[in-house]
Amino acid sequence: MKFHELLAEERTVGRELQHLEDLVFVDGSAGALEALDVLKQFGTDVSDVSIKWDGTPAVIFGRNEQGEFILTDLAGFGAKKYNGRVTSAQGLADMIMSRGKELTDERRAYALAMAKTWNAFESATPENVRGFFHGDLLYKQTPQIDDNNYVFTPNKVTYTVKKDSDIGRRIARSKVGVVVHTFADSQGNKRKADVKDLNEGELFVMPPVIAQSAPKINTNAIASIEAAVKKYAAGIDKLLAPKPGLSDIKNIVYTYVNQMSRAGDFKNLENRFDDWLKNSKVSANKQSKIFALPEYKYFKVIFALVLKIQELKNNVIDQLDNAEQDVVANIAGERGGEGYVASKSKTKLVPRHRFRLGD
């Protein structure tokens, strides 16, 4: 196992997929160097870089221990006060319509549309499956064709797929589209889902859509950032190391970075930590400990590195977005979508300058 793969396995801060630039504080100086290494590799090999889909709603489908097929949404799957793990299309519609204080036209339409996808999901799920696939819906009926492309907008991002591409031909044979992320067995143990475990027919399970051309990488900029990381490595790692009464410092930084991202104020990441901390939910005792740290000055170093790596990442995203490929994403007519996933390093390339996203 390579060093960056080992780091990916051991991460405990954040989510399974990390923003590439967040590795600076998730894994310290080693994470910063890993992020730069990932960027360098993109210059010659993007075989593990795939589109990050913006599907909705989250859907969960599979078979229980008795072999009964279940299709539901995220709210239904985790419901405590009602049975959300329904075993029929009518049950799915009824369950969705029964939620909430008032049945709106919007919820009724959603319930009926979800029920119509039942047969596609059930026929795709082999009889011997025991467990559940977790994914996001891409379309509930075969997308319309516009100028020789299939076009669909599951959420905020519009996708255009060449009709004569392999994916386009498979979309043509389907009625429902989904991207699947994980599979959980009957004991709740999760693993990465394999689309080969499902039958293709009315349901099209979107395979990873790999980037088709490598971007140009600014190696001089990477070398400059590498030198800075190595220069300040000891201070960065000492600051982020767990301390008595301050074992969660990485999570505090993680929260700060995400809140700045959601606020659309990422460009001021270097300069707002003091004020944010004083007004945050971090206890007064912890705040005092943080402000008193001998390594406190290295917070600015960390955030400066995050911004520099983000700038390089954004350039990669822009190049990938504008490359000739079978699947093109755009938001309100502007080319570019939710970004990309680099599977080997378990990182994501999300354009935080376009999305006010956190986790």
Protein backbone atom coordinates (compact mmCIF):
# COMPACT_ATOMS: atom_id res chain seq x y z
CA MET A 1 0.00 0.00 0.00
CA LYS A 2 1.36 3.42 -0.98
CA PHE A 3 1.85 6.11 1.66
CA HIS A 4 -1.04 8.29 0.43
CA GLU A 5 -3.34 5.25 0.41
CA LEU A 6 -2.33 4.49 4.00
CA LEU A 7 -3.19 8.05 5.02
CA ALA A 8 -6.56 7.76 3.29
CA GLU A 9 -7.34 4.59 5.25
CA GLU A 10 -6.44 6.16 8.62
CA ARG A 11 -8.26 9.52 8.37
CA THR A 12 -10.65 10.25 11.21
CA VAL A 13 -11.48 13.92 10.55
CA GLY A 14 -14.19 14.90 8.10
CA ARG A 15 -15.86 12.51 5.71
CA GLU A 16 -14.78 9.57 3.60
CA LEU A 17 -13.94 11.85 0.66
CA GLN A 18 -11.87 14.89 1.64
CA HIS A 19 -11.51 18.15 -0.24
CA LEU A 20 -8.00 17.94 -1.68
CA GLU A 21 -6.86 21.15 0.02
CA ASP A 22 -8.22 20.01 3.41
CA LEU A 23 -5.51 17.36 3.61
CA VAL A 24 -3.28 20.18 4.92
CA PHE A 25 -5.02 20.05 8.31
CA VAL A 26 -6.53 16.56 8.15
CA ASP A 27 -3.10 14.92 7.85
CA GLY A 28 -0.75 17.82 8.61
CA SER A 29 2.43 18.33 6.61
CA ALA A 30 2.22 14.78 5.22
CA GLY A 31 -1.28 15.54 3.96
CA ALA A 32 -0.14 18.77 2.31
CA LEU A 33 2.63 16.89 0.48
CA GLU A 34 0.15 14.19 -0.49
CA ALA A 35 -2.21 16.79 -1.98
CA LEU A 36 0.64 18.20 -4.06
CA ASP A 37 1.64 14.70 -5.14
CA VAL A 38 -1.93 14.02 -6.26
CA LEU A 39 -1.90 17.22 -8.31
CA LYS A 40 1.39 16.24 -9.96
CA GLN A 41 -0.02 12.83 -10.89
CA PHE A 42 -3.00 14.48 -12.60
CA GLY A 43 -0.57 15.87 -15.17
CA THR A 44 0.04 12.41 -16.60
CA ASP A 45 -2.74 10.16 -15.29
CA VAL A 46 -6.41 10.93 -14.61
CA SER A 47 -7.58 7.33 -14.87
CA ASP A 48 -9.01 7.45 -11.34
CA VAL A 49 -10.64 10.89 -11.69
CA SER A 50 -14.38 10.72 -12.28
CA ILE A 51 -17.32 13.14 -12.32
CA LYS A 52 -18.91 13.89 -8.95
CA TRP A 53 -22.64 13.55 -9.64
CA ASP A 54 -25.20 16.01 -8.27
CA GLY A 55 -28.13 13.60 -7.97
CA THR A 56 -31.25 13.88 -5.82
CA PRO A 57 -33.03 12.50 -3.91
CA ALA A 58 -30.83 10.06 -2.06
CA VAL A 59 -32.29 6.60 -2.64
CA ILE A 60 -31.75 3.31 -0.86
CA PHE A 61 -32.78 0.00 -2.39
CA GLY A 62 -32.12 -3.70 -1.92
CA ARG A 63 -33.52 -6.75 -0.18
CA ASN A 64 -34.05 -7.53 3.48
CA GLU A 65 -33.20 -10.84 5.17
CA GLN A 66 -36.44 -12.35 3.88
CA GLY A 67 -35.56 -11.40 0.31
CA GLU A 68 -38.27 -8.75 0.07
CA PHE A 69 -37.40 -5.83 -2.19
CA ILE A 70 -37.32 -2.39 -0.59
CA LEU A 71 -37.01 1.03 -2.21
CA THR A 72 -37.10 4.19 -0.12
CA ASP A 73 -35.48 7.57 0.35
CA LEU A 74 -33.06 8.63 3.06
CA ALA A 75 -35.78 9.86 5.41
CA GLY A 76 -37.76 6.66 5.00
CA PHE A 77 -34.80 4.37 5.53
CA GLY A 78 -33.92 5.94 8.86
CA ALA A 79 -37.48 6.55 10.07
CA LYS A 80 -38.26 5.71 13.71
CA LYS A 81 -41.91 6.76 14.05
CA TYR A 82 -43.21 5.04 10.92
CA ASN A 83 -42.25 2.18 8.61
CA GLY A 84 -40.20 3.73 5.85
CA ARG A 85 -38.82 0.46 4.51
CA VAL A 86 -41.79 -0.33 2.34
CA THR A 87 -42.12 -3.39 0.09
CA SER A 88 -44.40 -2.15 -2.71
CA ALA A 89 -44.73 0.80 -5.07
CA GLN A 90 -48.07 1.76 -3.55
CA GLY A 91 -46.55 1.50 -0.09
CA LEU A 92 -43.78 3.87 -1.17
CA ALA A 93 -46.26 6.45 -2.47
CA ASP A 94 -48.45 6.17 0.63
CA MET A 95 -45.45 6.44 2.96
CA ILE A 96 -44.17 9.63 1.34
CA MET A 97 -47.63 11.23 1.22
CA SER A 98 -48.29 10.43 4.88
CA ARG A 99 -45.24 12.36 6.08
CA GLY A 100 -45.57 15.89 7.36
CA LYS A 101 -48.51 17.89 8.63
CA GLU A 102 -49.96 18.75 5.23
CA LEU A 103 -50.02 16.94 1.90
CA THR A 104 -48.78 19.48 -0.65
CA ASP A 105 -49.02 19.15 -4.42
CA GLU A 106 -45.23 19.01 -4.54
CA ARG A 107 -45.04 16.08 -2.13
CA ARG A 108 -47.86 14.25 -3.91
CA ALA A 109 -46.04 14.62 -7.25
CA TYR A 110 -42.81 13.42 -5.65
CA ALA A 111 -44.52 10.37 -4.13
CA LEU A 112 -46.13 9.32 -7.41
CA ALA A 113 -42.92 9.88 -9.40
CA MET A 114 -40.92 7.77 -6.95
CA ALA A 115 -43.51 4.97 -7.08
CA LYS A 116 -43.19 4.85 -10.88
CA THR A 117 -39.47 4.04 -10.53
CA TRP A 118 -40.20 0.93 -8.44
CA ASN A 119 -40.18 -1.65 -11.25
CA ALA A 120 -36.89 -0.37 -12.66
CA PHE A 121 -35.13 -0.64 -9.29
CA GLU A 122 -36.66 -4.01 -8.41
CA SER A 123 -35.80 -5.63 -11.74
CA ALA A 124 -32.21 -4.42 -11.37
CA THR A 125 -31.78 -6.04 -7.95
CA PRO A 126 -30.93 -9.77 -8.08
CA GLU A 127 -32.97 -12.16 -5.92
CA ASN A 128 -29.91 -13.23 -3.92
CA VAL A 129 -29.03 -9.71 -2.71
CA ARG A 130 -29.21 -9.24 1.06
CA GLY A 131 -28.50 -5.67 1.94
CA PHE A 132 -28.96 -2.20 0.49
CA PHE A 133 -27.43 0.01 -2.18
CA HIS A 134 -27.13 3.73 -1.35
CA GLY A 135 -27.13 6.24 -4.18
CA ASP A 136 -28.64 9.35 -5.75
CA LEU A 137 -31.33 9.54 -8.42
CA LEU A 138 -30.28 11.09 -11.73
CA TYR A 139 -33.55 10.88 -13.66
CA LYS A 140 -37.01 9.33 -13.14
CA GLN A 141 -37.79 8.92 -16.85
CA THR A 142 -35.67 8.68 -20.00
CA PRO A 143 -34.13 12.15 -20.54
CA GLN A 144 -35.12 14.33 -23.46
CA ILE A 145 -32.84 14.68 -26.48
CA ASP A 146 -31.58 18.14 -27.41
CA ASP A 147 -29.19 18.63 -30.33
CA ASN A 148 -28.09 14.97 -30.34
CA ASN A 149 -27.52 14.95 -26.57
CA TYR A 150 -29.44 13.55 -23.63
CA VAL A 151 -30.06 16.35 -21.13
CA PHE A 152 -31.14 15.98 -17.50
CA THR A 153 -31.01 18.13 -14.36
CA PRO A 154 -31.43 16.05 -11.20
CA ASN A 155 -30.60 18.91 -8.86
CA LYS A 156 -28.58 22.10 -9.51
CA VAL A 157 -26.31 20.72 -12.23
CA THR A 158 -27.46 20.02 -15.79
CA TYR A 159 -25.77 17.09 -17.55
CA THR A 160 -25.44 16.77 -21.31
CA VAL A 161 -24.51 13.31 -22.64
CA LYS A 162 -23.65 12.58 -26.25
CA LYS A 163 -26.39 10.41 -27.71
CA ASP A 164 -23.95 8.24 -29.70
CA SER A 165 -21.55 7.65 -26.75
CA ASP A 166 -21.56 4.38 -24.81
CA ILE A 167 -23.30 6.07 -21.88
CA GLY A 168 -25.77 7.73 -24.25
CA ARG A 169 -26.74 4.41 -25.80
CA ARG A 170 -27.27 2.90 -22.34
CA ILE A 171 -29.38 5.86 -21.24
CA ALA A 172 -31.55 5.28 -24.34
CA ARG A 173 -32.40 1.77 -23.11
CA SER A 174 -33.32 2.92 -19.61
CA LYS A 175 -36.24 4.58 -17.89
CA VAL A 176 -34.54 5.51 -14.60
CA GLY A 177 -30.97 6.57 -13.85
CA VAL A 178 -29.06 6.37 -10.58
CA VAL A 179 -25.50 6.75 -9.33
CA VAL A 180 -24.67 4.23 -6.61
CA HIS A 181 -22.05 4.93 -3.92
CA THR A 182 -22.06 2.24 -1.24
CA PHE A 183 -23.55 -1.11 -0.34
CA ALA A 184 -24.48 -2.02 3.24
CA ASP A 185 -25.01 -5.66 4.16
CA SER A 186 -27.74 -6.82 6.54
CA GLN A 187 -25.46 -6.08 9.52
CA GLY A 188 -24.87 -2.53 8.31
CA ASN A 189 -21.27 -3.08 7.18
CA LYS A 190 -20.54 -0.75 4.26
CA ARG A 191 -18.31 -1.16 1.23
CA LYS A 192 -17.94 0.58 -2.09
CA ALA A 193 -20.77 -0.54 -4.36
CA ASP A 194 -19.99 -2.44 -7.55
CA VAL A 195 -22.38 -1.65 -10.41
CA LYS A 196 -21.75 -5.17 -11.72
CA ASP A 197 -23.79 -6.46 -8.78
CA LEU A 198 -26.93 -5.02 -10.42
CA ASN A 199 -28.83 -5.94 -13.57
CA GLU A 200 -28.94 -3.29 -16.27
CA GLY A 201 -32.27 -2.77 -18.00
CA GLU A 202 -34.91 -0.19 -17.17
CA LEU A 203 -32.50 1.04 -14.49
CA PHE A 204 -29.21 2.50 -15.68
CA VAL A 205 -26.62 2.47 -12.91
CA MET A 206 -24.17 5.17 -13.96
CA PRO A 207 -20.59 3.82 -14.05
CA PRO A 208 -17.69 6.08 -13.08
CA VAL A 209 -17.33 8.66 -15.86
CA ILE A 210 -13.57 9.09 -16.11
CA ALA A 211 -11.86 12.31 -17.22
CA GLN A 212 -10.71 11.88 -20.82
CA SER A 213 -7.67 14.17 -20.94
CA ALA A 214 -4.96 15.12 -18.43
CA PRO A 215 -4.66 18.78 -17.41
CA LYS A 216 -1.49 20.86 -17.53
CA ILE A 217 0.03 21.24 -14.07
CA ASN A 218 2.03 24.22 -12.79
CA THR A 219 5.01 22.27 -11.47
CA ASN A 220 6.89 25.44 -10.47
CA ALA A 221 4.03 26.47 -8.19
CA ILE A 222 3.92 22.98 -6.69
CA ALA A 223 7.66 23.05 -6.02
CA SER A 224 7.31 26.41 -4.25
CA ILE A 225 4.48 25.15 -2.05
CA GLU A 226 6.40 21.93 -1.29
CA ALA A 227 9.32 24.01 -0.05
CA ALA A 228 7.02 25.99 2.25
CA VAL A 229 5.44 22.80 3.63
CA LYS A 230 8.83 21.32 4.43
CA LYS A 231 9.99 24.59 6.01
CA TYR A 232 7.03 24.80 8.37
CA ALA A 233 6.30 21.07 8.78
CA ALA A 234 7.40 20.79 12.41
CA GLY A 235 5.27 23.76 13.50
CA ILE A 236 2.23 22.61 11.53
CA ASP A 237 2.33 19.10 12.95
CA LYS A 238 2.95 20.27 16.52
CA LEU A 239 -0.03 22.65 16.29
CA LEU A 240 -2.37 19.95 14.98
CA ALA A 241 -1.23 17.24 17.41
CA PRO A 242 -3.78 16.27 20.13
CA LYS A 243 -3.05 17.89 23.48
CA PRO A 244 -4.47 17.49 27.00
CA GLY A 245 -7.86 19.18 26.98
CA LEU A 246 -7.50 19.90 23.29
CA SER A 247 -7.68 16.56 21.50
CA ASP A 248 -10.05 17.76 18.75
CA ILE A 249 -8.09 20.66 17.28
CA LYS A 250 -8.30 19.21 13.74
CA ASN A 251 -12.09 19.03 14.02
CA ILE A 252 -12.20 22.65 15.18
CA VAL A 253 -10.20 23.69 12.11
CA TYR A 254 -12.42 21.48 9.93
CA THR A 255 -15.54 23.23 11.26
CA TYR A 256 -14.02 26.67 10.67
CA VAL A 257 -13.04 25.87 7.08
CA ASN A 258 -16.47 24.47 6.25
CA GLN A 259 -18.30 27.41 7.77
CA MET A 260 -16.15 29.84 5.81
CA SER A 261 -16.91 27.86 2.67
CA ARG A 262 -20.65 27.90 3.30
CA ALA A 263 -20.50 31.65 3.97
CA GLY A 264 -18.80 32.22 0.60
CA ASP A 265 -15.86 33.84 2.42
CA PHE A 266 -13.15 31.30 1.66
CA LYS A 267 -10.77 33.94 0.30
CA ASN A 268 -10.47 35.38 3.82
CA LEU A 269 -9.59 32.06 5.38
CA GLU A 270 -6.18 33.30 6.59
CA ASN A 271 -7.52 36.30 8.48
CA ARG A 272 -10.84 35.35 10.06
CA PHE A 273 -9.91 32.49 12.41
CA ASP A 274 -9.38 34.70 15.50
CA ASP A 275 -12.80 36.35 15.23
CA TRP A 276 -14.51 33.10 14.27
CA LEU A 277 -13.07 31.26 17.26
CA LYS A 278 -14.17 33.96 19.72
CA ASN A 279 -17.75 33.71 18.43
CA SER A 280 -17.83 29.95 17.88
CA LYS A 281 -19.37 27.15 19.93
CA VAL A 282 -15.91 26.10 21.09
CA SER A 283 -15.87 26.30 24.88
CA ALA A 284 -14.22 29.28 26.57
CA ASN A 285 -11.71 26.93 28.19
CA LYS A 286 -10.67 25.46 24.84
CA GLN A 287 -10.51 28.90 23.27
CA SER A 288 -8.07 30.01 25.96
CA LYS A 289 -5.93 26.93 25.40
CA ILE A 290 -5.88 27.53 21.63
CA PHE A 291 -4.97 31.22 21.87
CA ALA A 292 -2.18 30.32 24.33
CA LEU A 293 -0.57 27.71 22.06
CA PRO A 294 3.09 28.51 21.27
CA GLU A 295 2.42 27.31 17.72
CA TYR A 296 -0.67 29.52 17.25
CA LYS A 297 1.01 31.48 14.44
CA TYR A 298 1.00 28.36 12.29
CA PHE A 299 -2.75 28.59 11.79
CA LYS A 300 -2.11 31.29 9.20
CA VAL A 301 0.48 29.07 7.54
CA ILE A 302 -2.01 26.20 7.35
CA PHE A 303 -4.76 28.39 5.87
CA ALA A 304 -2.34 29.97 3.38
CA LEU A 305 -1.38 26.48 2.19
CA VAL A 306 -5.04 25.49 1.91
CA LEU A 307 -5.70 28.49 -0.34
CA LYS A 308 -2.64 27.90 -2.52
CA ILE A 309 -3.49 24.23 -3.05
CA GLN A 310 -7.10 25.18 -3.71
CA GLU A 311 -5.95 27.60 -6.42
CA LEU A 312 -4.03 24.82 -8.18
CA LYS A 313 -7.00 22.47 -7.76
CA ASN A 314 -9.42 25.03 -9.23
CA ASN A 315 -7.19 25.34 -12.29
CA VAL A 316 -7.34 21.56 -12.74
CA ILE A 317 -11.14 21.62 -12.38
CA ASP A 318 -11.45 24.37 -15.00
CA GLN A 319 -9.32 22.39 -17.46
CA LEU A 320 -11.31 19.21 -16.90
CA ASP A 321 -14.60 21.09 -17.22
CA ASN A 322 -13.61 22.58 -20.57
CA ALA A 323 -12.09 19.44 -22.09
CA GLU A 324 -13.87 17.58 -24.87
CA GLN A 325 -15.75 14.67 -23.25
CA ASP A 326 -18.89 12.54 -23.54
CA VAL A 327 -20.53 13.98 -20.42
CA VAL A 328 -20.59 17.75 -19.86
CA ALA A 329 -21.90 19.47 -16.73
CA ASN A 330 -23.13 23.05 -16.46
CA ILE A 331 -24.90 25.28 -13.97
CA ALA A 332 -27.26 27.92 -15.35
CA GLY A 333 -25.48 27.72 -18.70
CA GLU A 334 -21.98 28.08 -17.24
CA ARG A 335 -19.81 25.06 -17.96
CA GLY A 336 -18.79 23.11 -14.89
CA GLY A 337 -20.55 21.03 -12.27
CA GLU A 338 -20.01 19.75 -8.76
CA GLY A 339 -16.47 18.64 -9.49
CA TYR A 340 -14.59 15.34 -9.56
CA VAL A 341 -13.54 12.44 -7.34
CA ALA A 342 -10.02 11.00 -7.23
CA SER A 343 -10.64 7.47 -6.00
CA LYS A 344 -7.09 6.35 -5.14
CA SER A 345 -6.45 9.22 -2.73
CA LYS A 346 -10.09 9.36 -1.55
CA THR A 347 -10.25 13.06 -2.31
CA LYS A 348 -12.72 15.29 -4.12
CA LEU A 349 -12.12 18.26 -6.38
CA VAL A 350 -15.09 20.50 -5.65
CA PRO A 351 -15.16 24.08 -6.99
CA ARG A 352 -15.77 25.86 -3.71
CA HIS A 353 -15.62 29.14 -5.65
CA ARG A 354 -18.85 28.07 -7.38
CA PHE A 355 -20.47 26.02 -4.61
CA ARG A 356 -21.04 27.26 -1.08
CA LEU A 357 -20.40 23.79 0.24
CA GLY A 358 -18.90 22.42 3.38
CA ASP A 359 -18.64 18.69 3.94
